[in-house]
Protein backbone atom coordinates (compact mmCIF):
# COMPACT_ATOMS: atom_id res chain seq x y z
CA UNK A 1 23.34 -1.21 -5.33
CA UNK A 2 19.31 -1.22 -5.78
CA UNK A 3 18.34 0.85 -9.11
CA UNK A 4 14.35 0.97 -10.05
CA UNK A 5 12.95 1.44 -13.44
CA UNK A 6 9.20 2.31 -13.89
CA UNK A 7 7.90 2.22 -17.01
CA UNK A 8 4.37 2.60 -18.05
CA UNK A 9 2.59 0.28 -20.26
CA UNK A 10 -1.04 0.34 -21.82
CA UNK A 11 -3.07 -0.84 -18.65
CA UNK A 12 -0.39 -0.37 -15.71
CA UNK A 13 2.92 -0.12 -14.68
CA UNK A 14 6.13 -2.46 -15.24
CA UNK A 15 8.70 -2.27 -12.52
CA UNK A 16 11.95 -3.45 -12.90
CA UNK A 17 14.67 -3.56 -10.00
CA UNK A 18 18.42 -4.00 -10.18
CA UNK A 19 20.41 -5.20 -7.57
CA UNK A 20 24.57 -5.41 -8.50
CA UNK A 21 25.04 -6.65 -4.89
CA UNK A 22 22.50 -9.18 -3.15
CA UNK A 23 23.58 -10.03 0.10
CA UNK A 24 27.03 -8.58 -0.09
CA UNK A 25 28.10 -11.22 -2.66
CA UNK A 26 28.29 -9.26 -5.80
CA UNK A 27 26.15 -10.96 -7.28
CA UNK A 28 23.30 -9.40 -9.76
CA UNK A 29 19.64 -9.98 -9.52
CA UNK A 30 16.81 -8.53 -11.45
CA UNK A 31 13.03 -8.72 -11.28
CA UNK A 32 10.25 -7.51 -13.44
CA UNK A 33 6.87 -6.87 -11.92
CA UNK A 34 3.71 -5.91 -13.72
CA UNK A 35 1.27 -4.19 -12.11
CA UNK A 36 -2.57 -4.01 -14.07
CA UNK A 37 -4.05 -0.88 -12.84
CA UNK A 38 -7.42 -2.03 -14.87
CA UNK A 39 -10.73 -3.42 -13.71
CA UNK A 40 -11.89 -4.64 -10.47
CA UNK A 41 -8.70 -5.11 -8.68
CA UNK A 42 -6.74 -2.24 -10.19
CA UNK A 43 -7.09 0.11 -7.15
CA UNK A 44 -5.56 -2.99 -5.24
CA UNK A 45 -2.83 -3.48 -7.37
CA UNK A 46 -2.03 0.56 -7.38
CA UNK A 47 -2.00 0.37 -3.36
CA UNK A 48 0.04 -2.50 -3.72
CA UNK A 49 2.44 -1.05 -6.21
CA UNK A 50 2.90 2.00 -3.94
CA UNK A 51 3.82 -0.37 -0.70
CA UNK A 52 6.18 -2.59 -2.62
CA UNK A 53 8.03 0.41 -4.36
CA UNK A 54 8.24 2.16 -0.33
CA UNK A 55 9.71 -1.52 0.73
CA UNK A 56 12.16 -1.17 -2.56
CA UNK A 57 13.60 2.14 -1.59
CA UNK A 58 14.02 1.06 2.18
CA UNK A 59 11.99 4.12 3.62
CA UNK A 60 10.94 3.92 7.00
CA UNK A 61 7.46 4.20 7.51
CA UNK A 62 6.83 4.06 11.20
CA UNK A 63 5.04 0.76 13.00
CA UNK A 64 2.09 0.19 15.14
CA UNK A 65 3.83 1.24 18.43
CA UNK A 66 4.60 5.09 16.65
CA UNK A 67 2.17 7.84 16.90
CA UNK A 68 3.17 8.74 13.44
CA UNK A 69 2.75 5.65 11.14
CA UNK A 70 2.60 5.86 7.15
CA UNK A 71 -0.62 3.83 5.86
CA UNK A 72 -0.88 3.52 1.97
CA UNK A 73 -4.84 2.61 1.56
CA UNK A 74 -8.07 3.54 -0.47
CA UNK A 75 -11.08 5.42 0.91
CA UNK A 76 -14.30 6.47 0.09
CA UNK A 77 -14.09 9.93 -2.87
CA UNK A 78 -15.24 13.08 -1.03
CA UNK A 79 -18.65 13.03 -3.47
CA UNK A 80 -18.81 9.21 -3.36
CA UNK A 81 -22.62 8.44 -2.48
CA UNK A 82 -22.57 4.80 -0.76
CA UNK A 83 -25.33 2.25 -1.08
CA UNK A 84 -26.58 1.17 2.57
CA UNK A 85 -24.67 -2.10 2.76
CA UNK A 86 -21.85 -0.16 2.67
CA UNK A 87 -22.94 2.33 5.09
CA UNK A 88 -23.82 -0.89 7.41
CA UNK A 89 -20.11 -1.97 6.73
CA UNK A 90 -18.67 1.44 7.45
CA UNK A 91 -20.65 2.17 10.47
CA UNK A 92 -19.84 -1.01 12.09
CA UNK A 93 -15.73 -0.72 11.40
CA UNK A 94 -15.92 2.76 12.88
CA UNK A 95 -18.43 1.65 16.18
CA UNK A 96 -15.21 -0.89 16.57
CA UNK A 97 -12.74 1.56 16.15
CA UNK A 98 -14.86 4.29 18.74
CA UNK A 99 -14.79 1.50 21.24
CA UNK A 100 -11.36 0.72 21.00
CA UNK A 101 -10.14 4.05 21.67
CA UNK A 102 -12.69 4.72 24.73
CA UNK A 103 -11.46 1.33 26.02
CA UNK A 104 -7.97 3.36 26.03
CA UNK A 105 -8.96 5.90 28.21
CA UNK A 106 -10.55 3.83 31.03
CA UNK A 107 -7.11 2.43 31.01
């Protein structure tokens, strides 16, 4: 059986994973992972933590062939004011997505 223990740390979280039956062989396996939530990569580490937790728990989040697929990512806050470069990059990404969706209509 797999057990997951999450402990707070000064700047993030510590995740302990215990498996008392690795590959059905009865061996024990323990892993410790530290997630630093401060600094430039803080949000990226939060996303990484959540993705790995979902994987550790064996949750089914869907795949690219399904109509509903759970995605864990970051995006702008509703009150955030992006700069010109960020806006241009976002417009390029959205234009590509719009083009992809329009090509699906033509088929």
